């Protein structure tokens, strides 16, 4: 199994910044893509950003130019740098990762428990 633990959420004023972290741990594994998704109250979970093991990134249109995804492969950690935050960015932010565990022939997607981000004055 692979465990993903998010951190860094909190309350921030509109226009402010936050950095989220998501660290993967567990059995011997390889990770390919790591992603951030979010779910606002009453809405479906949506994609925010993704980064491949080689550094390729893509973003939802709603966060382009404001959010930056990065990763430290040595630490199996992905980050989400969020700038110019808006009230509509309020959501629980979840990371996920596509991982291959030693002894398992299939790549699987693992999810963290989420971290709350609230943007409000």
Protein backbone atom coordinates (compact mmCIF):
# COMPACT_ATOMS: atom_id res chain seq x y z
CA UNK A 1 0.00 0.00 0.00
CA UNK A 2 0.93 3.63 -0.50
CA UNK A 3 -0.17 6.26 2.00
CA UNK A 4 -0.58 9.89 0.97
CA UNK A 5 -0.72 12.60 3.62
CA UNK A 6 -1.61 16.18 2.73
CA UNK A 7 -0.72 19.22 4.80
CA UNK A 8 -0.61 23.00 4.55
CA UNK A 9 -4.28 23.88 4.33
CA UNK A 10 -5.89 26.62 6.37
CA UNK A 11 -7.70 29.93 6.34
CA UNK A 12 -6.36 32.69 4.10
CA UNK A 13 -7.66 36.04 2.93
CA UNK A 14 -8.53 36.66 -0.72
CA UNK A 15 -5.38 37.48 -2.64
CA UNK A 16 -3.25 35.47 -0.25
CA UNK A 17 -1.07 32.41 -0.77
CA UNK A 18 -0.73 28.90 0.59
CA UNK A 19 1.51 25.95 -0.14
CA UNK A 20 0.09 22.45 0.12
CA UNK A 21 2.26 19.36 0.49
CA UNK A 22 1.49 15.71 -0.08
CA UNK A 23 3.98 13.05 0.99
CA UNK A 24 3.80 9.44 -0.16
CA UNK A 25 5.08 6.57 1.99
CA UNK A 26 4.67 2.83 2.39
CA UNK A 27 5.93 -0.30 0.70
CA UNK A 28 8.58 -0.17 -1.99
CA UNK A 29 6.95 1.62 -4.90
CA UNK A 30 7.39 3.73 -7.99
CA UNK A 31 5.27 6.79 -8.65
CA UNK A 32 4.37 8.23 -12.02
CA UNK A 33 1.80 11.02 -12.08
CA UNK A 34 0.84 12.94 -8.96
CA UNK A 35 -2.19 15.20 -8.98
CA UNK A 36 -4.18 17.67 -6.93
CA UNK A 37 -7.95 17.67 -7.02
CA UNK A 38 -10.46 19.63 -4.97
CA UNK A 39 -14.04 19.38 -3.85
CA UNK A 40 -16.06 22.40 -2.83
CA UNK A 41 -19.21 22.07 -0.71
CA UNK A 42 -22.09 20.77 -2.80
CA UNK A 43 -19.93 20.23 -5.88
CA UNK A 44 -18.22 17.32 -7.54
CA UNK A 45 -14.52 16.71 -7.08
CA UNK A 46 -12.55 18.40 -9.84
CA UNK A 47 -9.05 18.24 -11.26
CA UNK A 48 -6.66 21.05 -10.32
CA UNK A 49 -3.15 20.14 -11.48
CA UNK A 50 -0.92 17.21 -12.36
CA UNK A 51 2.80 16.53 -12.67
CA UNK A 52 4.57 13.56 -14.21
CA UNK A 53 7.70 11.92 -12.89
CA UNK A 54 9.73 13.85 -15.46
CA UNK A 55 8.19 17.18 -14.54
CA UNK A 56 5.50 17.55 -17.20
CA UNK A 57 2.63 19.63 -15.80
CA UNK A 58 -0.92 20.54 -16.68
CA UNK A 59 -3.52 22.66 -14.97
CA UNK A 60 -7.23 23.32 -14.86
CA UNK A 61 -8.08 26.57 -16.66
CA UNK A 62 -9.45 28.01 -13.42
CA UNK A 63 -6.03 27.94 -11.73
CA UNK A 64 -3.62 28.58 -14.62
CA UNK A 65 -1.27 31.44 -13.83
CA UNK A 66 -2.12 31.32 -10.12
CA UNK A 67 -1.19 27.80 -8.99
CA UNK A 68 2.07 25.93 -9.54
CA UNK A 69 2.55 22.21 -9.01
CA UNK A 70 6.00 20.82 -8.26
CA UNK A 71 7.49 17.64 -6.83
CA UNK A 72 10.55 16.32 -5.05
CA UNK A 73 11.05 12.78 -6.32
CA UNK A 74 13.65 12.00 -3.68
CA UNK A 75 11.06 12.75 -0.99
CA UNK A 76 8.07 11.34 -2.92
CA UNK A 77 6.35 14.64 -2.24
CA UNK A 78 4.20 16.86 -4.41
CA UNK A 79 3.49 20.51 -3.70
CA UNK A 80 0.82 22.96 -4.78
CA UNK A 81 1.81 26.60 -4.57
CA UNK A 82 -1.37 28.66 -4.61
CA UNK A 83 -1.23 32.40 -5.20
CA UNK A 84 -3.86 35.10 -5.66
CA UNK A 85 -6.40 32.91 -3.91
CA UNK A 86 -10.09 33.57 -4.46
CA UNK A 87 -13.13 32.63 -2.36
CA UNK A 88 -14.09 30.16 -5.10
CA UNK A 89 -10.87 28.26 -4.39
CA UNK A 90 -12.37 27.21 -1.06
CA UNK A 91 -12.49 23.41 -1.02
CA UNK A 92 -10.99 20.27 0.41
CA UNK A 93 -7.84 19.59 -1.59
CA UNK A 94 -6.88 15.98 -2.26
CA UNK A 95 -3.73 14.60 -3.77
CA UNK A 96 -3.50 11.33 -5.63
CA UNK A 97 -0.70 9.34 -7.16
CA UNK A 98 -0.34 6.56 -9.71
CA UNK A 99 1.95 4.03 -8.06
CA UNK A 100 3.37 0.58 -8.74
CA UNK A 101 4.10 -1.47 -5.64
CA UNK A 102 6.73 -4.19 -5.60
CA UNK A 103 4.99 -7.53 -6.17
CA UNK A 104 1.86 -5.98 -7.71
CA UNK A 105 1.78 -6.05 -11.54
CA UNK A 106 -0.73 -3.19 -11.84
CA UNK A 107 -0.40 0.55 -11.48
CA UNK A 108 -2.99 1.84 -9.02
CA UNK A 109 -4.22 5.27 -8.00
CA UNK A 110 -3.97 6.12 -4.33
CA UNK A 111 -5.66 9.05 -2.59
CA UNK A 112 -4.94 11.14 0.46
CA UNK A 113 -7.51 12.19 3.06
CA UNK A 114 -7.59 15.83 2.02
CA UNK A 115 -6.77 19.18 3.55
CA UNK A 116 -9.21 22.09 3.90
CA UNK A 117 -8.47 25.40 2.22
CA UNK A 118 -10.76 28.30 3.09
CA UNK A 119 -10.42 31.66 1.35
CA UNK A 120 -12.37 34.31 3.21
CA UNK A 121 -12.02 37.77 4.65
